[in-house]
């Protein structure tokens, strides 16, 4: 089966989604529709047909974001004009895959799909970096494996957009 993402729809079955983190499970089941309606985030899913249902097997959310320039590492921050108090970024707010969808590298696929969407969007709307806020040490290790660095004085991590753009240049 070839993995692909699509925007979350009301026809996607999410009731049984279980990634092992209640906060991520409940977000998909109870909160995500409100965030989409309020234009706070966009949700992309991997779904599989099971018993005539499109069952969600993984998801991630993206939204516009900004970080105070003080949060950026000093060696990068000094390159920004002083007028910028907040630096435009993209938030990869949540990323999760169902525990039963193991061994298919779905987490990696979801991350790369999100990075590709961020790359394409950054050609239209400026974004300095992609920001993540890992839920635990395992998630932190996952992001580190893909080049994300911890922001000073924060648990948040970032990947500069110029690094992402290099990934997807032809």
N, C-alpha and C. Protein backbone atom coordinates (compact mmCIF):
# COMPACT_ATOMS: atom_id res chain seq x y z
N UNK A 1 0.84 -1.19 0.00
CA UNK A 1 0.00 0.00 0.00
C UNK A 1 0.88 1.24 0.00
N UNK A 2 0.56 2.16 -0.89
CA UNK A 2 1.29 3.42 -0.95
C UNK A 2 0.60 4.43 -0.03
N UNK A 3 1.39 5.04 0.85
CA UNK A 3 0.82 6.02 1.78
C UNK A 3 0.61 7.34 1.07
N UNK A 4 -0.48 8.00 1.42
CA UNK A 4 -0.72 9.36 0.98
C UNK A 4 -1.62 10.07 1.98
N UNK A 5 -1.47 11.38 2.02
CA UNK A 5 -2.29 12.15 2.96
C UNK A 5 -3.39 12.88 2.22
N UNK A 6 -4.39 13.24 2.99
CA UNK A 6 -5.48 14.07 2.49
C UNK A 6 -6.00 14.91 3.65
N UNK A 7 -6.71 15.96 3.32
CA UNK A 7 -7.31 16.78 4.36
C UNK A 7 -8.35 15.96 5.12
N UNK A 8 -8.39 16.16 6.43
CA UNK A 8 -9.38 15.48 7.26
C UNK A 8 -10.78 15.89 6.81
N UNK A 9 -11.66 14.89 6.70
CA UNK A 9 -13.06 15.12 6.31
C UNK A 9 -13.96 14.49 7.36
N UNK A 10 -15.21 14.89 7.34
CA UNK A 10 -16.17 14.31 8.29
C UNK A 10 -16.37 12.82 8.04
N UNK A 11 -16.08 12.36 6.84
CA UNK A 11 -16.24 10.94 6.51
C UNK A 11 -15.13 10.06 7.06
N UNK A 12 -14.07 10.67 7.58
CA UNK A 12 -12.98 9.87 8.16
C UNK A 12 -13.39 9.34 9.53
N UNK A 13 -13.17 8.06 9.74
CA UNK A 13 -13.50 7.40 11.00
C UNK A 13 -12.31 7.54 11.95
N UNK A 14 -12.56 8.17 13.12
CA UNK A 14 -11.48 8.44 14.07
C UNK A 14 -11.72 7.88 15.46
N UNK A 15 -12.89 7.32 15.68
CA UNK A 15 -13.30 6.90 17.03
C UNK A 15 -12.31 5.95 17.69
N UNK A 16 -11.69 5.07 16.92
CA UNK A 16 -10.80 4.06 17.50
C UNK A 16 -9.33 4.44 17.43
N UNK A 17 -9.01 5.66 17.00
CA UNK A 17 -7.61 6.06 16.87
C UNK A 17 -6.93 6.00 18.23
N UNK A 18 -5.75 5.36 18.26
CA UNK A 18 -5.02 5.22 19.51
C UNK A 18 -3.52 5.24 19.22
N UNK A 19 -2.89 6.36 19.55
CA UNK A 19 -1.44 6.48 19.34
C UNK A 19 -0.66 6.24 20.63
N UNK A 20 -1.37 6.10 21.74
CA UNK A 20 -0.70 5.89 23.02
C UNK A 20 -0.58 7.15 23.86
N UNK A 21 -1.00 8.26 23.31
CA UNK A 21 -1.02 9.53 24.05
C UNK A 21 -2.45 10.06 24.04
N UNK A 22 -3.09 10.02 25.17
CA UNK A 22 -4.49 10.40 25.27
C UNK A 22 -4.75 11.81 24.73
N UNK A 23 -3.82 12.72 24.98
CA UNK A 23 -4.01 14.10 24.53
C UNK A 23 -4.06 14.19 23.00
N UNK A 24 -3.25 13.39 22.31
CA UNK A 24 -3.25 13.37 20.85
C UNK A 24 -4.47 12.63 20.31
N UNK A 25 -4.86 11.55 20.98
CA UNK A 25 -6.06 10.81 20.58
C UNK A 25 -7.30 11.69 20.72
N UNK A 26 -7.45 12.33 21.88
CA UNK A 26 -8.62 13.17 22.13
C UNK A 26 -8.67 14.38 21.21
N UNK A 27 -7.51 14.93 20.88
CA UNK A 27 -7.49 16.06 19.95
C UNK A 27 -8.14 15.66 18.63
N UNK A 28 -7.74 14.53 18.09
CA UNK A 28 -8.28 14.07 16.81
C UNK A 28 -9.77 13.76 16.92
N UNK A 29 -10.18 13.20 18.04
CA UNK A 29 -11.57 12.77 18.19
C UNK A 29 -12.51 13.91 18.57
N UNK A 30 -12.02 14.91 19.32
CA UNK A 30 -12.93 15.90 19.90
C UNK A 30 -12.65 17.35 19.54
N UNK A 31 -11.42 17.73 19.24
CA UNK A 31 -11.06 19.14 19.12
C UNK A 31 -10.75 19.61 17.70
N UNK A 32 -10.22 18.72 16.87
CA UNK A 32 -9.66 19.14 15.58
C UNK A 32 -10.69 19.83 14.70
N UNK A 33 -11.94 19.38 14.69
CA UNK A 33 -12.95 20.02 13.84
C UNK A 33 -13.14 21.49 14.20
N UNK A 34 -13.15 21.79 15.49
CA UNK A 34 -13.30 23.18 15.93
C UNK A 34 -12.11 24.02 15.47
N UNK A 35 -10.91 23.48 15.58
CA UNK A 35 -9.71 24.22 15.15
C UNK A 35 -9.74 24.48 13.65
N UNK A 36 -10.20 23.49 12.89
CA UNK A 36 -10.30 23.67 11.43
C UNK A 36 -11.33 24.75 11.11
N UNK A 37 -12.51 24.68 11.72
CA UNK A 37 -13.57 25.66 11.46
C UNK A 37 -13.13 27.07 11.81
N UNK A 38 -12.34 27.21 12.88
CA UNK A 38 -11.88 28.53 13.32
C UNK A 38 -10.61 28.97 12.60
N UNK A 39 -10.15 28.15 11.65
CA UNK A 39 -8.94 28.44 10.87
C UNK A 39 -7.70 28.55 11.76
N UNK A 40 -7.65 27.73 12.80
CA UNK A 40 -6.49 27.69 13.69
C UNK A 40 -5.46 26.68 13.23
N UNK A 41 -5.90 25.66 12.52
CA UNK A 41 -4.97 24.67 11.98
C UNK A 41 -5.64 23.93 10.83
N UNK A 42 -4.82 23.22 10.08
CA UNK A 42 -5.28 22.32 9.03
C UNK A 42 -4.79 20.94 9.43
N UNK A 43 -5.63 19.94 9.21
CA UNK A 43 -5.27 18.57 9.60
C UNK A 43 -5.20 17.69 8.36
N UNK A 44 -4.10 16.96 8.24
CA UNK A 44 -3.89 16.01 7.16
C UNK A 44 -3.84 14.62 7.77
N UNK A 45 -4.44 13.65 7.06
CA UNK A 45 -4.53 12.29 7.60
C UNK A 45 -4.07 11.25 6.58
N UNK A 46 -3.63 10.11 7.12
CA UNK A 46 -3.49 8.88 6.36
C UNK A 46 -4.70 8.04 6.76
N UNK A 47 -5.42 7.52 5.78
CA UNK A 47 -6.58 6.68 6.08
C UNK A 47 -6.53 5.41 5.25
N UNK A 48 -7.09 4.34 5.82
CA UNK A 48 -7.21 3.06 5.13
C UNK A 48 -8.67 2.63 5.13
N UNK A 49 -9.08 2.00 4.04
CA UNK A 49 -10.44 1.45 3.97
C UNK A 49 -10.51 0.19 4.83
N UNK A 50 -11.45 0.18 5.77
CA UNK A 50 -11.71 -0.99 6.61
C UNK A 50 -13.22 -1.08 6.81
N UNK A 51 -13.79 -2.18 6.39
CA UNK A 51 -15.24 -2.38 6.57
C UNK A 51 -16.04 -1.17 6.09
N UNK A 52 -15.73 -0.71 4.88
CA UNK A 52 -16.44 0.41 4.25
C UNK A 52 -16.22 1.75 4.95
N UNK A 53 -15.26 1.83 5.88
CA UNK A 53 -14.96 3.08 6.57
C UNK A 53 -13.56 3.54 6.18
N UNK A 54 -13.36 4.85 6.08
CA UNK A 54 -12.04 5.44 5.91
C UNK A 54 -11.46 5.67 7.30
N UNK A 55 -10.66 4.74 7.77
CA UNK A 55 -10.15 4.76 9.14
C UNK A 55 -8.84 5.53 9.20
N UNK A 56 -8.79 6.54 10.07
CA UNK A 56 -7.58 7.34 10.23
C UNK A 56 -6.50 6.52 10.91
N UNK A 57 -5.32 6.48 10.29
CA UNK A 57 -4.18 5.72 10.81
C UNK A 57 -3.04 6.65 11.27
N UNK A 58 -3.12 7.91 10.87
CA UNK A 58 -2.12 8.87 11.28
C UNK A 58 -2.58 10.27 10.89
N UNK A 59 -2.03 11.28 11.57
CA UNK A 59 -2.42 12.65 11.24
C UNK A 59 -1.34 13.62 11.68
N UNK A 60 -1.42 14.82 11.10
CA UNK A 60 -0.61 15.94 11.59
C UNK A 60 -1.37 17.23 11.32
N UNK A 61 -1.00 18.27 12.06
CA UNK A 61 -1.62 19.59 11.87
C UNK A 61 -0.54 20.62 11.56
N UNK A 62 -0.93 21.60 10.76
CA UNK A 62 -0.06 22.72 10.44
C UNK A 62 -0.81 24.02 10.68
N UNK A 63 -0.07 25.05 11.10
CA UNK A 63 -0.66 26.38 11.24
C UNK A 63 0.45 27.44 11.20
N UNK A 64 0.03 28.66 10.92
CA UNK A 64 0.98 29.77 11.00
C UNK A 64 1.36 29.97 12.45
N UNK A 65 2.56 30.47 12.66
CA UNK A 65 3.07 30.63 14.01
C UNK A 65 4.11 31.73 13.99
N UNK A 66 4.47 32.19 15.12
CA UNK A 66 5.55 33.15 15.25
C UNK A 66 6.26 32.93 16.57
N UNK A 67 7.57 33.14 16.56
CA UNK A 67 8.32 33.00 17.80
C UNK A 67 9.05 34.30 18.08
N UNK A 68 9.16 34.67 19.35
CA UNK A 68 9.93 35.86 19.69
C UNK A 68 11.38 35.69 19.24
N UNK A 69 11.95 36.74 18.71
CA UNK A 69 13.32 36.63 18.17
C UNK A 69 14.31 36.18 19.24
N UNK A 70 14.01 36.44 20.52
CA UNK A 70 14.91 36.03 21.60
C UNK A 70 15.01 34.51 21.71
N UNK A 71 14.03 33.79 21.19
CA UNK A 71 14.04 32.33 21.27
C UNK A 71 14.98 31.69 20.25
N UNK A 72 15.35 32.46 19.25
CA UNK A 72 16.20 31.93 18.18
C UNK A 72 17.65 31.92 18.65
N UNK A 73 18.40 30.87 18.31
CA UNK A 73 19.81 30.84 18.70
C UNK A 73 20.54 32.12 18.28
N UNK A 74 21.39 32.66 19.16
CA UNK A 74 22.05 33.95 18.90
C UNK A 74 22.79 34.04 17.56
N UNK A 75 23.41 32.94 17.14
CA UNK A 75 24.16 32.98 15.88
C UNK A 75 23.24 33.18 14.67
N UNK A 76 21.97 32.83 14.81
CA UNK A 76 20.99 33.04 13.74
C UNK A 76 20.26 34.36 13.95
N UNK A 77 19.90 34.63 15.18
CA UNK A 77 19.11 35.82 15.53
C UNK A 77 19.80 37.10 15.08
N UNK A 78 21.11 37.17 15.18
CA UNK A 78 21.84 38.40 14.84
C UNK A 78 21.74 38.76 13.35
N UNK A 79 21.29 37.81 12.53
CA UNK A 79 21.16 38.06 11.09
C UNK A 79 19.84 38.73 10.72
N UNK A 80 18.89 38.77 11.66
CA UNK A 80 17.58 39.37 11.38
C UNK A 80 17.61 40.87 11.63
N UNK A 81 16.89 41.65 10.80
CA UNK A 81 16.76 43.08 11.07
C UNK A 81 16.11 43.31 12.44
N UNK A 82 16.53 44.32 13.14
CA UNK A 82 16.03 44.62 14.49
C UNK A 82 14.52 44.87 14.52
N UNK A 83 13.95 45.29 13.41
CA UNK A 83 12.52 45.61 13.36
C UNK A 83 11.65 44.38 13.62
N UNK A 84 12.19 43.19 13.40
CA UNK A 84 11.41 41.97 13.58
C UNK A 84 11.47 41.51 15.03
N UNK A 85 10.38 41.71 15.74
CA UNK A 85 10.29 41.25 17.13
C UNK A 85 9.78 39.81 17.20
N UNK A 86 8.97 39.45 16.21
CA UNK A 86 8.45 38.09 16.09
C UNK A 86 8.86 37.56 14.72
N UNK A 87 9.37 36.34 14.71
CA UNK A 87 9.84 35.73 13.47
C UNK A 87 8.77 34.77 12.96
N UNK A 88 8.36 34.91 11.68
CA UNK A 88 7.32 34.03 11.14
C UNK A 88 7.82 32.60 10.98
N UNK A 89 7.00 31.66 11.43
CA UNK A 89 7.33 30.24 11.36
C UNK A 89 6.06 29.46 11.03
N UNK A 90 6.22 28.16 10.87
CA UNK A 90 5.10 27.25 10.68
C UNK A 90 5.13 26.26 11.83
N UNK A 91 3.98 26.05 12.45
CA UNK A 91 3.88 25.12 13.57
C UNK A 91 3.37 23.77 13.08
N UNK A 92 4.18 22.75 13.28
CA UNK A 92 3.74 21.37 13.11
C UNK A 92 3.23 20.98 14.50
N UNK A 93 1.94 21.28 14.72
CA UNK A 93 1.37 21.22 16.07
C UNK A 93 1.24 19.84 16.65
N UNK A 94 0.78 18.91 15.84
CA UNK A 94 0.60 17.55 16.31
C UNK A 94 0.95 16.60 15.18
N UNK A 95 1.52 15.47 15.55
CA UNK A 95 1.84 14.42 14.59
C UNK A 95 1.71 13.11 15.35
N UNK A 96 0.87 12.20 14.85
CA UNK A 96 0.65 10.94 15.55
C UNK A 96 0.24 9.86 14.55
N UNK A 97 0.59 8.64 14.88
CA UNK A 97 0.14 7.49 14.09
C UNK A 97 -0.44 6.46 15.05
N UNK A 98 -1.42 5.75 14.57
CA UNK A 98 -2.07 4.73 15.37
C UNK A 98 -1.06 3.64 15.72
N UNK A 99 -1.13 3.14 16.95
CA UNK A 99 -0.19 2.10 17.40
C UNK A 99 -0.28 0.85 16.54
N UNK A 100 -1.45 0.55 16.01
CA UNK A 100 -1.63 -0.64 15.17
C UNK A 100 -1.08 -0.45 13.76
N UNK A 101 -0.64 0.74 13.45
CA UNK A 101 -0.11 1.05 12.12
C UNK A 101 1.41 1.07 12.19
N UNK A 102 1.95 0.17 12.98
CA UNK A 102 3.39 0.09 13.23
C UNK A 102 4.12 -0.57 12.07
N UNK A 103 5.40 -0.24 11.95
CA UNK A 103 6.24 -0.91 10.99
C UNK A 103 6.09 -0.43 9.56
N UNK A 104 5.30 0.59 9.32
CA UNK A 104 5.09 1.10 7.97
C UNK A 104 5.78 2.44 7.77
N UNK A 105 6.57 2.85 8.76
CA UNK A 105 7.28 4.13 8.72
C UNK A 105 6.31 5.30 8.51
N UNK A 106 5.11 5.15 9.07
CA UNK A 106 4.08 6.17 8.90
C UNK A 106 4.48 7.48 9.56
N UNK A 107 5.14 7.41 10.72
CA UNK A 107 5.58 8.64 11.38
C UNK A 107 6.55 9.41 10.50
N UNK A 108 7.49 8.71 9.95
CA UNK A 108 8.46 9.35 9.03
C UNK A 108 7.74 9.90 7.80
N UNK A 109 6.83 9.12 7.24
CA UNK A 109 6.08 9.59 6.08
C UNK A 109 5.30 10.86 6.40
N UNK A 110 4.61 10.85 7.56
CA UNK A 110 3.84 12.04 7.95
C UNK A 110 4.74 13.26 8.10
N UNK A 111 5.89 13.08 8.73
CA UNK A 111 6.82 14.20 8.90
C UNK A 111 7.30 14.71 7.55
N UNK A 112 7.72 13.83 6.67
CA UNK A 112 8.22 14.27 5.36
C UNK A 112 7.12 14.92 4.54
N UNK A 113 5.90 14.42 4.65
CA UNK A 113 4.78 15.04 3.95
C UNK A 113 4.54 16.45 4.48
N UNK A 114 4.60 16.60 5.80
CA UNK A 114 4.43 17.93 6.41
C UNK A 114 5.55 18.87 5.97
N UNK A 115 6.79 18.39 5.96
CA UNK A 115 7.92 19.22 5.53
C UNK A 115 7.74 19.64 4.07
N UNK A 116 7.26 18.74 3.25
CA UNK A 116 7.05 19.08 1.83
C UNK A 116 5.97 20.14 1.69
N UNK A 117 4.88 20.01 2.43
CA UNK A 117 3.82 21.03 2.38
C UNK A 117 4.35 22.38 2.86
N UNK A 118 5.18 22.36 3.91
CA UNK A 118 5.77 23.60 4.42
C UNK A 118 6.70 24.22 3.38
N UNK A 119 7.47 23.40 2.72
CA UNK A 119 8.37 23.87 1.65
C UNK A 119 7.55 24.57 0.56
N UNK A 120 6.50 23.91 0.08
CA UNK A 120 5.68 24.50 -0.98
C UNK A 120 5.03 25.79 -0.53
N UNK A 121 4.51 25.81 0.68
CA UNK A 121 3.85 27.01 1.19
C UNK A 121 4.84 28.15 1.38
N UNK A 122 6.07 27.83 1.76
CA UNK A 122 7.06 28.88 2.01
C UNK A 122 7.44 29.63 0.74
N UNK A 123 7.09 29.10 -0.41
CA UNK A 123 7.31 29.80 -1.68
C UNK A 123 6.27 30.90 -1.87
N UNK A 124 5.17 30.81 -1.13
CA UNK A 124 4.08 31.78 -1.23
C UNK A 124 3.99 32.68 0.01
N UNK A 125 4.21 32.09 1.17
CA UNK A 125 4.10 32.80 2.45
C UNK A 125 5.37 32.53 3.25
N UNK A 126 6.06 33.58 3.61
CA UNK A 126 7.36 33.43 4.28
C UNK A 126 7.24 32.70 5.61
N UNK A 127 8.23 31.85 5.85
CA UNK A 127 8.34 31.13 7.11
C UNK A 127 9.81 30.83 7.33
N UNK A 128 10.36 31.26 8.44
CA UNK A 128 11.77 31.05 8.74
C UNK A 128 12.08 29.60 9.06
N UNK A 129 11.15 28.93 9.78
CA UNK A 129 11.43 27.57 10.25
C UNK A 129 10.13 26.84 10.55
N UNK A 130 10.27 25.54 10.75
CA UNK A 130 9.17 24.72 11.23
C UNK A 130 9.43 24.46 12.71
N UNK A 131 8.41 24.68 13.51
CA UNK A 131 8.50 24.53 14.96
C UNK A 131 7.69 23.31 15.39
N UNK A 132 8.25 22.53 16.30
CA UNK A 132 7.54 21.42 16.93
C UNK A 132 7.70 21.53 18.44
N UNK A 133 6.78 20.94 19.16
CA UNK A 133 6.84 20.91 20.63
C UNK A 133 6.65 19.46 21.05
N UNK A 134 7.75 18.69 21.09
CA UNK A 134 7.65 17.24 21.34
C UNK A 134 6.91 16.92 22.63
N UNK A 135 6.07 15.91 22.55
CA UNK A 135 5.24 15.52 23.69
C UNK A 135 6.04 14.79 24.76
N UNK A 136 7.14 14.12 24.35
CA UNK A 136 7.96 13.38 25.30
C UNK A 136 9.36 13.18 24.72
N UNK A 137 10.21 12.47 25.47
CA UNK A 137 11.59 12.25 25.02
C UNK A 137 11.68 11.42 23.75
N UNK A 138 10.76 10.49 23.59
CA UNK A 138 10.74 9.67 22.38
C UNK A 138 10.46 10.54 21.15
N UNK A 139 9.50 11.44 21.28
CA UNK A 139 9.19 12.36 20.18
C UNK A 139 10.37 13.30 19.91
N UNK A 140 11.02 13.76 20.97
CA UNK A 140 12.19 14.62 20.82
C UNK A 140 13.28 13.90 20.02
N UNK A 141 13.54 12.66 20.35
CA UNK A 141 14.54 11.86 19.64
C UNK A 141 14.16 11.68 18.17
N UNK A 142 12.87 11.46 17.93
CA UNK A 142 12.38 11.33 16.56
C UNK A 142 12.71 12.58 15.75
N UNK A 143 12.38 13.75 16.30
CA UNK A 143 12.64 15.00 15.57
C UNK A 143 14.13 15.28 15.43
N UNK A 144 14.90 14.96 16.46
CA UNK A 144 16.35 15.15 16.37
C UNK A 144 16.95 14.35 15.22
N UNK A 145 16.42 13.16 15.02
CA UNK A 145 16.90 12.29 13.94
C UNK A 145 16.76 12.96 12.57
N UNK A 146 15.81 13.89 12.46
CA UNK A 146 15.56 14.59 11.20
C UNK A 146 16.11 16.01 11.19
N UNK A 147 16.98 16.32 12.14
CA UNK A 147 17.70 17.58 12.11
C UNK A 147 17.11 18.71 12.93
N UNK A 148 16.02 18.48 13.63
CA UNK A 148 15.44 19.53 14.47
C UNK A 148 16.38 19.81 15.64
N UNK A 149 16.50 21.08 15.99
CA UNK A 149 17.33 21.52 17.11
C UNK A 149 16.45 22.18 18.16
N UNK A 150 16.85 22.06 19.41
CA UNK A 150 16.10 22.67 20.50
C UNK A 150 16.32 24.17 20.51
N UNK A 151 15.22 24.92 20.68
CA UNK A 151 15.32 26.36 20.82
C UNK A 151 15.85 26.69 22.21
N UNK A 152 16.70 27.71 22.34
CA UNK A 152 17.23 28.08 23.66
C UNK A 152 16.09 28.37 24.65
N UNK A 153 16.28 27.95 25.88
CA UNK A 153 15.32 28.20 26.96
C UNK A 153 13.91 27.71 26.64
N UNK A 154 13.82 26.60 25.93
CA UNK A 154 12.51 26.10 25.52
C UNK A 154 12.60 24.59 25.29
N UNK A 155 11.47 23.93 25.32
CA UNK A 155 11.41 22.53 24.91
C UNK A 155 11.05 22.41 23.44
N UNK A 156 10.67 23.54 22.85
CA UNK A 156 10.32 23.54 21.43
C UNK A 156 11.58 23.29 20.60
N UNK A 157 11.34 22.79 19.39
CA UNK A 157 12.45 22.51 18.48
C UNK A 157 12.15 23.18 17.14
N UNK A 158 13.20 23.39 16.35
CA UNK A 158 12.99 24.03 15.06
C UNK A 158 13.88 23.40 13.99
N UNK A 159 13.42 23.53 12.76
CA UNK A 159 14.18 23.13 11.59
C UNK A 159 14.09 24.30 10.62
N UNK A 160 15.22 24.96 10.32
CA UNK A 160 15.17 26.12 9.42
C UNK A 160 14.59 25.76 8.05
N UNK A 161 13.81 26.66 7.50
CA UNK A 161 13.18 26.41 6.21
C UNK A 161 14.22 26.24 5.11
N UNK A 162 15.38 26.91 5.22
CA UNK A 162 16.37 26.72 4.17
C UNK A 162 16.88 25.27 4.15
N UNK A 163 16.90 24.61 5.28
CA UNK A 163 17.26 23.19 5.34
C UNK A 163 16.18 22.35 4.66
N UNK A 164 14.92 22.66 4.95
CA UNK A 164 13.80 21.95 4.33
C UNK A 164 13.81 22.17 2.83
N UNK A 165 14.05 23.40 2.40
CA UNK A 165 14.05 23.70 0.97
C UNK A 165 15.13 22.91 0.25
N UNK A 166 16.27 22.71 0.88
CA UNK A 166 17.35 21.93 0.27
C UNK A 166 16.92 20.48 0.05
N UNK A 167 16.10 19.98 0.94
CA UNK A 167 15.58 18.62 0.81
C UNK A 167 14.78 18.42 -0.47
N UNK A 168 14.04 19.44 -0.85
CA UNK A 168 13.06 19.28 -1.94
C UNK A 168 13.43 20.02 -3.22
N UNK A 169 14.61 20.59 -3.28
CA UNK A 169 15.04 21.23 -4.53
C UNK A 169 15.27 20.18 -5.60
N UNK A 170 14.87 20.51 -6.81
CA UNK A 170 15.07 19.59 -7.93
C UNK A 170 16.51 19.56 -8.40
